Each structure stands twice: as C-alpha cells, then as structure tokens.
C-alpha cells in the first residue's frame, strides 16, 4: 500500500485517495519543509501555494511532490502512479 501525505485543505483528494486504497496522512504547513517527515511517503500532494514567482517549487525531499491545484482526485492518483514508475 502506497503512503501518501496530503496537505491540509485537500479533503476531497484525501478522501478519494483513501477510497482508492492508499494510506493517506494529512499534514499541516509546518511539516511541508521537513524533509525527514516527507521522505517517509511515496508521494506528497500540496496546494501549490509554496511555488515561487517563476512557478518552480523548491523541494527538500526526493519524494515526488504533486501540485493538486485545479486537479481532481483521479488526476492526482494518475500523477502519483506516473511519478512512482520512474
């Protein structure tokens, strides 16, 4: 079972992924810069608010980061599966 960290405020995505069989853990903004926390997951789903002006997210983890802004739960799941095949 894949473990997915989902940022607070993404309840529909969290619920969708849980229903699809993922182990989902919600995290708050204080954890989004904690690499040791994020590295425990197969993917991290965020709102995208932490992108800089050039649209590039600064990452502190090797775990795939998925910007869920404007995405459905199914689209997020597709991105999770795609990023874990690499």
C-alpha atoms as a PDB file:
ATOM      1  CA  UNK A   1       0.000   0.000   0.000  1.00  0.00           C
ATOM      2  CA  UNK A   2       1.399   3.365  -1.018  1.00  0.00           C
ATOM      3  CA  UNK A   3       1.695   6.021   1.670  1.00  0.00           C
ATOM      4  CA  UNK A   4       0.631   9.500   0.570  1.00  0.00           C
ATOM      5  CA  UNK A   5       0.983  12.762   2.510  1.00  0.00           C
ATOM      6  CA  UNK A   6      -1.775  15.266   1.681  1.00  0.00           C
ATOM      7  CA  UNK A   7      -1.625  18.905   2.747  1.00  0.00           C
ATOM      8  CA  UNK A   8      -4.458  20.211   4.937  1.00  0.00           C
ATOM      9  CA  UNK A   9      -7.378  21.639   2.999  1.00  0.00           C
ATOM     10  CA  UNK A  10      -7.408  18.983   0.275  1.00  0.00           C
ATOM     11  CA  UNK A  11     -10.178  16.905   1.843  1.00  0.00           C
ATOM     12  CA  UNK A  12     -11.823  15.716  -1.403  1.00  0.00           C
ATOM     13  CA  UNK A  13      -8.469  14.456  -2.676  1.00  0.00           C
ATOM     14  CA  UNK A  14      -7.629  12.892   0.678  1.00  0.00           C
ATOM     15  CA  UNK A  15     -10.961  11.066   0.726  1.00  0.00           C
ATOM     16  CA  UNK A  16     -10.639   9.933  -2.893  1.00  0.00           C
ATOM     17  CA  UNK A  17      -7.154   8.511  -2.367  1.00  0.00           C
ATOM     18  CA  UNK A  18      -8.262   6.753   0.839  1.00  0.00           C
ATOM     19  CA  UNK A  19     -11.172   5.181  -1.036  1.00  0.00           C
ATOM     20  CA  UNK A  20      -8.726   4.033  -3.731  1.00  0.00           C
ATOM     21  CA  UNK A  21      -6.731   2.095  -1.144  1.00  0.00           C
ATOM     22  CA  UNK A  22      -3.870   4.480  -0.364  1.00  0.00           C
ATOM     23  CA  UNK A  23      -2.666   5.064   3.185  1.00  0.00           C
ATOM     24  CA  UNK A  24      -3.227   8.814   3.473  1.00  0.00           C
ATOM     25  CA  UNK A  25      -1.821  11.103   6.163  1.00  0.00           C
ATOM     26  CA  UNK A  26      -2.826  14.761   6.302  1.00  0.00           C
ATOM     27  CA  UNK A  27      -0.098  17.232   7.210  1.00  0.00           C
ATOM     28  CA  UNK A  28      -0.095  20.922   8.067  1.00  0.00           C
ATOM     29  CA  UNK A  29       2.052  23.715   6.684  1.00  0.00           C
ATOM     30  CA  UNK A  30       4.603  23.337   9.478  1.00  0.00           C
ATOM     31  CA  UNK A  31       5.641  19.955   8.017  1.00  0.00           C
ATOM     32  CA  UNK A  32       5.898  20.959   4.355  1.00  0.00           C
ATOM     33  CA  UNK A  33       9.553  21.947   4.734  1.00  0.00           C
ATOM     34  CA  UNK A  34      10.522  18.949   6.852  1.00  0.00           C
ATOM     35  CA  UNK A  35      12.356  16.572   4.546  1.00  0.00           C
ATOM     36  CA  UNK A  36      12.656  13.894   7.231  1.00  0.00           C
ATOM     37  CA  UNK A  37       8.841  13.844   7.515  1.00  0.00           C
ATOM     38  CA  UNK A  38       8.123  13.900   3.778  1.00  0.00           C
ATOM     39  CA  UNK A  39      10.697  11.226   2.939  1.00  0.00           C
ATOM     40  CA  UNK A  40       8.505   8.632   4.685  1.00  0.00           C
ATOM     41  CA  UNK A  41       5.913   8.845   1.909  1.00  0.00           C
ATOM     42  CA  UNK A  42       5.657   7.598  -1.674  1.00  0.00           C
ATOM     43  CA  UNK A  43       4.230  10.962  -2.783  1.00  0.00           C
ATOM     44  CA  UNK A  44       3.295  14.332  -1.291  1.00  0.00           C
ATOM     45  CA  UNK A  45       0.222  16.236  -2.500  1.00  0.00           C
ATOM     46  CA  UNK A  46       0.230  20.028  -1.964  1.00  0.00           C
ATOM     47  CA  UNK A  47      -1.923  23.000  -2.910  1.00  0.00           C
ATOM     48  CA  UNK A  48       0.828  24.714  -4.874  1.00  0.00           C
ATOM     49  CA  UNK A  49       0.916  27.788  -2.656  1.00  0.00           C
ATOM     50  CA  UNK A  50       4.610  27.199  -1.972  1.00  0.00           C
ATOM     51  CA  UNK A  51       5.710  27.879  -5.544  1.00  0.00           C
ATOM     52  CA  UNK A  52       7.974  30.805  -6.216  1.00  0.00           C
ATOM     53  CA  UNK A  53       7.282  33.542  -8.767  1.00  0.00           C
ATOM     54  CA  UNK A  54       8.834  31.516 -11.596  1.00  0.00           C
ATOM     55  CA  UNK A  55       6.426  28.665 -10.871  1.00  0.00           C
ATOM     56  CA  UNK A  56       9.098  26.321  -9.606  1.00  0.00           C
ATOM     57  CA  UNK A  57       8.577  24.532  -6.329  1.00  0.00           C
ATOM     58  CA  UNK A  58      11.592  24.337  -4.041  1.00  0.00           C
ATOM     59  CA  UNK A  59      11.911  20.784  -2.865  1.00  0.00           C
ATOM     60  CA  UNK A  60      13.732  19.461   0.148  1.00  0.00           C
ATOM     61  CA  UNK A  61      12.866  15.833  -0.452  1.00  0.00           C
ATOM     62  CA  UNK A  62      13.334  13.203  -3.134  1.00  0.00           C
ATOM     63  CA  UNK A  63       9.702  12.157  -2.703  1.00  0.00           C
ATOM     64  CA  UNK A  64       7.540  13.204  -5.694  1.00  0.00           C
ATOM     65  CA  UNK A  65       5.636  16.436  -4.972  1.00  0.00           C
ATOM     66  CA  UNK A  66       2.294  16.777  -6.738  1.00  0.00           C
ATOM     67  CA  UNK A  67       0.666  20.195  -7.078  1.00  0.00           C
ATOM     68  CA  UNK A  68      -3.054  19.414  -6.858  1.00  0.00           C
ATOM     69  CA  UNK A  69      -4.236  22.903  -7.794  1.00  0.00           C
ATOM     70  CA  UNK A  70      -7.143  22.507 -10.210  1.00  0.00           C
ATOM     71  CA  UNK A  71      -6.895  18.713 -10.246  1.00  0.00           C
ATOM     72  CA  UNK A  72      -9.474  16.060  -9.440  1.00  0.00           C
ATOM     73  CA  UNK A  73      -8.731  13.140  -7.157  1.00  0.00           C
ATOM     74  CA  UNK A  74      -8.443  10.871 -10.183  1.00  0.00           C
ATOM     75  CA  UNK A  75      -5.914  13.201 -11.840  1.00  0.00           C
ATOM     76  CA  UNK A  76      -3.856  13.274  -8.638  1.00  0.00           C
ATOM     77  CA  UNK A  77      -3.934   9.467  -8.466  1.00  0.00           C
ATOM     78  CA  UNK A  78      -2.726   9.295 -12.081  1.00  0.00           C
ATOM     79  CA  UNK A  79       0.168  11.618 -11.221  1.00  0.00           C
ATOM     80  CA  UNK A  80       1.061   9.507  -8.180  1.00  0.00           C
ATOM     81  CA  UNK A  81       1.163   6.351 -10.289  1.00  0.00           C
ATOM     82  CA  UNK A  82       3.128   8.067 -13.060  1.00  0.00           C
ATOM     83  CA  UNK A  83       5.716   9.538 -10.678  1.00  0.00           C
ATOM     84  CA  UNK A  84       6.281   6.211  -8.929  1.00  0.00           C
ATOM     85  CA  UNK A  85       7.050   4.419 -12.210  1.00  0.00           C
ATOM     86  CA  UNK A  86      10.185   6.481 -12.797  1.00  0.00           C
END
